[in-house]
N, C-alpha and C. Protein backbone atom coordinates (compact mmCIF):
# COMPACT_ATOMS: atom_id res chain seq x y z
N MET A 1 36.16 -33.73 64.55
CA MET A 1 37.14 -32.97 64.97
C MET A 1 38.42 -32.74 63.88
N CYS A 2 38.59 -31.40 62.91
CA CYS A 2 39.99 -31.64 62.23
C CYS A 2 41.47 -32.16 62.93
N SER A 3 42.01 -32.69 62.37
CA SER A 3 43.72 -33.00 62.87
C SER A 3 44.03 -31.68 62.21
N GLN A 4 45.33 -31.47 62.47
CA GLN A 4 46.41 -30.49 61.57
C GLN A 4 47.20 -30.72 59.75
N ARG A 5 46.42 -31.27 59.52
CA ARG A 5 46.78 -31.55 57.97
C ARG A 5 45.70 -30.36 57.70
N THR A 6 46.47 -30.20 56.53
CA THR A 6 45.80 -28.95 55.36
C THR A 6 45.14 -30.04 54.30
N THR A 7 43.89 -29.58 53.83
CA THR A 7 43.27 -29.71 52.21
C THR A 7 42.76 -28.53 52.21
N GLU A 8 43.53 -28.43 50.74
CA GLU A 8 43.66 -27.17 49.71
C GLU A 8 42.14 -27.56 48.91
N SER A 9 41.50 -26.58 48.50
CA SER A 9 40.59 -26.64 47.34
C SER A 9 40.40 -25.41 45.96
N SER A 10 41.22 -25.63 45.11
CA SER A 10 41.53 -24.02 44.41
C SER A 10 40.96 -24.51 43.08
N GLY A 11 40.15 -23.35 42.69
CA GLY A 11 39.94 -23.11 41.22
C GLY A 11 39.28 -21.90 40.98
N ARG A 12 38.94 -21.98 39.50
CA ARG A 12 37.90 -20.30 39.44
C ARG A 12 37.08 -19.46 40.34
N VAL A 13 37.35 -18.27 40.56
CA VAL A 13 35.31 -17.55 41.88
C VAL A 13 35.23 -17.96 41.41
N HIS A 14 33.75 -17.68 42.52
CA HIS A 14 32.77 -17.77 41.39
C HIS A 14 31.52 -18.13 42.40
N ALA A 15 30.53 -17.45 42.53
CA ALA A 15 29.30 -17.29 43.64
C ALA A 15 28.97 -18.38 44.30
N GLY A 16 29.31 -19.45 44.18
CA GLY A 16 28.39 -20.57 44.99
C GLY A 16 30.31 -21.12 45.49
N ALA A 17 31.22 -20.70 46.78
CA ALA A 17 31.96 -20.02 46.92
C ALA A 17 31.80 -20.74 48.55
N SER A 18 30.69 -21.12 49.29
CA SER A 18 30.32 -22.01 49.99
C SER A 18 29.86 -23.28 50.00
N VAL A 19 29.88 -23.32 48.98
CA VAL A 19 29.33 -24.76 48.63
C VAL A 19 30.97 -25.59 48.69
N ARG A 20 31.37 -25.40 47.67
CA ARG A 20 33.29 -25.39 48.22
C ARG A 20 33.73 -25.66 49.30
N ILE A 21 33.04 -24.89 50.13
CA ILE A 21 34.36 -24.50 51.74
C ILE A 21 33.54 -25.57 52.19
N VAL A 22 32.18 -26.65 52.08
CA VAL A 22 31.56 -27.18 52.66
C VAL A 22 32.09 -28.33 51.81
N GLU A 23 31.99 -28.60 51.27
CA GLU A 23 32.91 -30.34 50.00
C GLU A 23 34.13 -30.35 50.70
N ALA A 24 35.42 -29.51 51.16
CA ALA A 24 36.51 -29.21 51.11
C ALA A 24 36.53 -29.58 52.94
N VAL A 25 35.50 -28.79 53.91
CA VAL A 25 35.35 -29.45 55.00
C VAL A 25 35.48 -31.20 55.07
N ALA A 26 34.14 -31.79 54.06
CA ALA A 26 33.42 -33.01 54.39
C ALA A 26 34.44 -33.66 54.19
N ARG A 27 35.37 -33.58 52.40
CA ARG A 27 36.09 -34.34 52.18
C ARG A 27 37.41 -34.45 53.73
N ARG A 28 38.12 -33.34 54.12
CA ARG A 28 38.79 -33.14 55.16
C ARG A 28 38.35 -34.14 56.44
N GLU A 29 37.07 -34.28 56.43
CA GLU A 29 36.34 -34.92 57.90
C GLU A 29 36.20 -36.61 57.36
N SER A 30 36.11 -36.39 55.90
CA SER A 30 35.56 -37.82 55.07
C SER A 30 33.92 -38.38 55.92
N CYS A 31 33.67 -37.41 55.48
CA CYS A 31 31.85 -37.11 55.63
C CYS A 31 31.31 -36.63 54.53
N ASP A 32 29.94 -37.30 54.42
CA ASP A 32 29.04 -36.65 53.64
C ASP A 32 28.70 -35.25 54.38
N PRO A 33 28.61 -33.91 53.59
CA PRO A 33 28.53 -32.77 53.24
C PRO A 33 27.22 -32.22 54.84
N LEU A 34 26.09 -33.21 54.07
CA LEU A 34 24.74 -33.49 55.08
C LEU A 34 25.35 -33.42 56.21
N ASP A 35 26.48 -34.40 56.51
CA ASP A 35 26.55 -34.53 58.34
C ASP A 35 27.48 -33.48 59.11
N LEU A 36 27.47 -32.70 58.26
CA LEU A 36 27.89 -31.11 59.11
C LEU A 36 27.32 -30.32 59.56
N PRO A 37 27.49 -29.50 60.51
CA PRO A 37 26.20 -28.70 61.59
C PRO A 37 26.12 -27.23 59.99
N PRO A 38 25.44 -26.80 60.27
CA PRO A 38 24.92 -25.56 59.33
C PRO A 38 26.00 -24.88 59.25
N LEU A 39 26.36 -24.74 58.13
CA LEU A 39 27.88 -23.10 57.58
C LEU A 39 26.99 -21.77 58.78
N TYR A 40 25.45 -22.06 58.49
CA TYR A 40 25.12 -20.29 59.17
C TYR A 40 24.99 -20.09 59.84
N ASP A 41 25.34 -21.48 61.05
CA ASP A 41 25.67 -21.13 62.36
C ASP A 41 26.74 -20.48 62.62
N VAL A 42 27.91 -20.04 61.55
CA VAL A 42 28.50 -19.23 62.10
C VAL A 42 29.00 -18.39 60.93
N ILE A 43 29.21 -18.50 59.79
CA ILE A 43 29.26 -16.97 58.72
C ILE A 43 28.11 -17.54 57.79
N ASP A 44 27.62 -16.06 57.31
CA ASP A 44 26.45 -15.91 56.06
C ASP A 44 27.31 -16.22 55.35
N PRO A 45 26.43 -17.35 54.41
CA PRO A 45 26.76 -17.71 53.23
C PRO A 45 26.81 -17.06 52.10
N ASP A 46 25.59 -16.00 52.17
CA ASP A 46 25.46 -15.29 50.98
C ASP A 46 26.99 -14.26 51.18
N ALA A 47 27.01 -13.72 51.95
CA ALA A 47 27.93 -12.39 52.52
C ALA A 47 29.17 -13.42 51.67
N LEU A 48 29.57 -14.98 52.07
CA LEU A 48 30.84 -15.33 51.89
C LEU A 48 30.75 -14.89 50.46
N ASN A 49 29.79 -15.92 49.47
CA ASN A 49 29.67 -15.82 48.13
C ASN A 49 30.17 -14.30 48.02
N GLN A 50 29.15 -13.81 48.36
CA GLN A 50 29.67 -12.51 47.81
C GLN A 50 31.39 -11.71 47.47
N PHE A 51 31.89 -11.69 48.86
CA PHE A 51 33.28 -12.41 48.85
C PHE A 51 33.77 -12.55 47.67
N CYS A 52 33.51 -13.70 47.36
CA CYS A 52 34.51 -14.80 46.94
C CYS A 52 33.85 -13.69 45.45
N ALA A 53 33.41 -13.33 45.22
CA ALA A 53 33.06 -13.21 43.96
C ALA A 53 33.67 -11.78 43.46
N THR A 54 33.87 -11.00 44.29
CA THR A 54 34.30 -9.56 44.47
C THR A 54 35.13 -8.87 44.93
N ALA A 55 35.55 -9.58 46.18
CA ALA A 55 36.60 -9.09 46.38
C ALA A 55 37.97 -9.82 46.60
N THR A 56 38.89 -8.51 47.08
CA THR A 56 39.98 -9.88 47.22
C THR A 56 41.09 -10.04 48.16
N GLY A 57 41.96 -11.18 49.36
CA GLY A 57 41.88 -10.46 50.51
C GLY A 57 41.44 -12.11 51.13
N SER A 58 41.62 -12.55 52.34
CA SER A 58 41.33 -13.64 53.12
C SER A 58 40.76 -13.62 53.73
N ILE A 59 40.13 -14.54 54.15
CA ILE A 59 39.14 -15.00 56.08
C ILE A 59 38.88 -15.80 56.52
N THR A 60 38.98 -15.84 57.69
CA THR A 60 39.66 -17.80 58.34
C THR A 60 38.33 -17.43 59.51
N PHE A 61 37.45 -18.80 59.51
CA PHE A 61 36.96 -18.84 60.81
C PHE A 61 36.88 -20.12 61.07
N GLN A 62 36.19 -20.63 61.85
CA GLN A 62 36.00 -21.44 62.84
C GLN A 62 34.90 -22.25 62.59
N TRP A 63 34.50 -24.14 61.86
CA TRP A 63 33.50 -23.84 61.36
C TRP A 63 34.30 -26.29 61.86
N ALA A 64 32.82 -26.57 62.41
CA ALA A 64 32.75 -28.55 62.43
C ALA A 64 34.44 -28.73 62.90
N GLY A 65 34.53 -27.94 64.12
CA GLY A 65 36.23 -28.04 64.96
C GLY A 65 36.98 -27.96 63.93
N CYS A 66 37.06 -27.73 62.28
CA CYS A 66 37.45 -26.86 61.84
C CYS A 66 38.42 -25.33 61.86
N ARG A 67 39.38 -25.23 61.93
CA ARG A 67 40.28 -23.63 60.61
C ARG A 67 39.84 -23.53 59.24
N VAL A 68 38.87 -22.97 58.97
CA VAL A 68 38.49 -22.82 57.57
C VAL A 68 39.16 -21.19 57.15
N ARG A 69 40.43 -20.93 56.45
CA ARG A 69 40.97 -20.10 55.52
C ARG A 69 40.67 -20.18 54.04
N VAL A 70 40.32 -19.12 53.95
CA VAL A 70 39.64 -18.87 52.92
C VAL A 70 40.11 -17.29 51.09
N ASP A 71 41.58 -18.09 51.02
CA ASP A 71 42.57 -16.76 50.29
C ASP A 71 40.83 -16.15 48.69
N VAL A 72 41.47 -15.21 48.21
CA VAL A 72 40.08 -15.19 46.91
C VAL A 72 41.72 -14.20 46.53
N ASP A 73 42.11 -14.52 45.45
CA ASP A 73 42.62 -13.28 44.39
C ASP A 73 41.60 -14.07 42.83
N ASP A 74 42.39 -14.05 42.14
CA ASP A 74 41.86 -14.42 40.34
C ASP A 74 41.40 -15.38 41.11
N ARG A 75 41.40 -16.50 42.09
CA ARG A 75 41.66 -18.14 42.09
C ARG A 75 41.38 -17.64 43.47
N LEU A 76 40.40 -19.38 43.92
CA LEU A 76 39.70 -19.26 45.33
C LEU A 76 40.97 -20.48 45.86
N LEU A 77 41.32 -20.28 46.93
CA LEU A 77 41.78 -21.60 47.33
C LEU A 77 40.54 -21.49 49.12
N VAL A 78 40.65 -22.70 49.38
CA VAL A 78 40.46 -22.79 51.09
C VAL A 78 41.19 -23.84 51.63
N SER A 79 41.72 -23.39 52.36
CA SER A 79 42.20 -24.71 53.58
C SER A 79 41.61 -24.58 54.26
N VAL A 80 41.75 -25.66 55.04
CA VAL A 80 40.90 -26.75 56.14
C VAL A 80 42.14 -27.17 56.98
N GLU A 81 42.24 -27.17 58.20
CA GLU A 81 43.23 -27.66 59.21
C GLU A 81 42.14 -28.04 60.73
């Protein structure tokens, strides 16, 4: 379960955004990404990748006991609380 600190991952937007999200949550939780529950249990990774590659805006969802916020503009910012 996540504490209230925020971990951010930023960089150029690309189709592999869901991988960056998994890595950010794993870093936040100090665990192996394979130890996390499947991301697709809460959000469609392909739809998330498409959103991050083509849209601007933000999306927030709960996953692995964390609040994950993804902000997309020219760059991708992943905040995990």
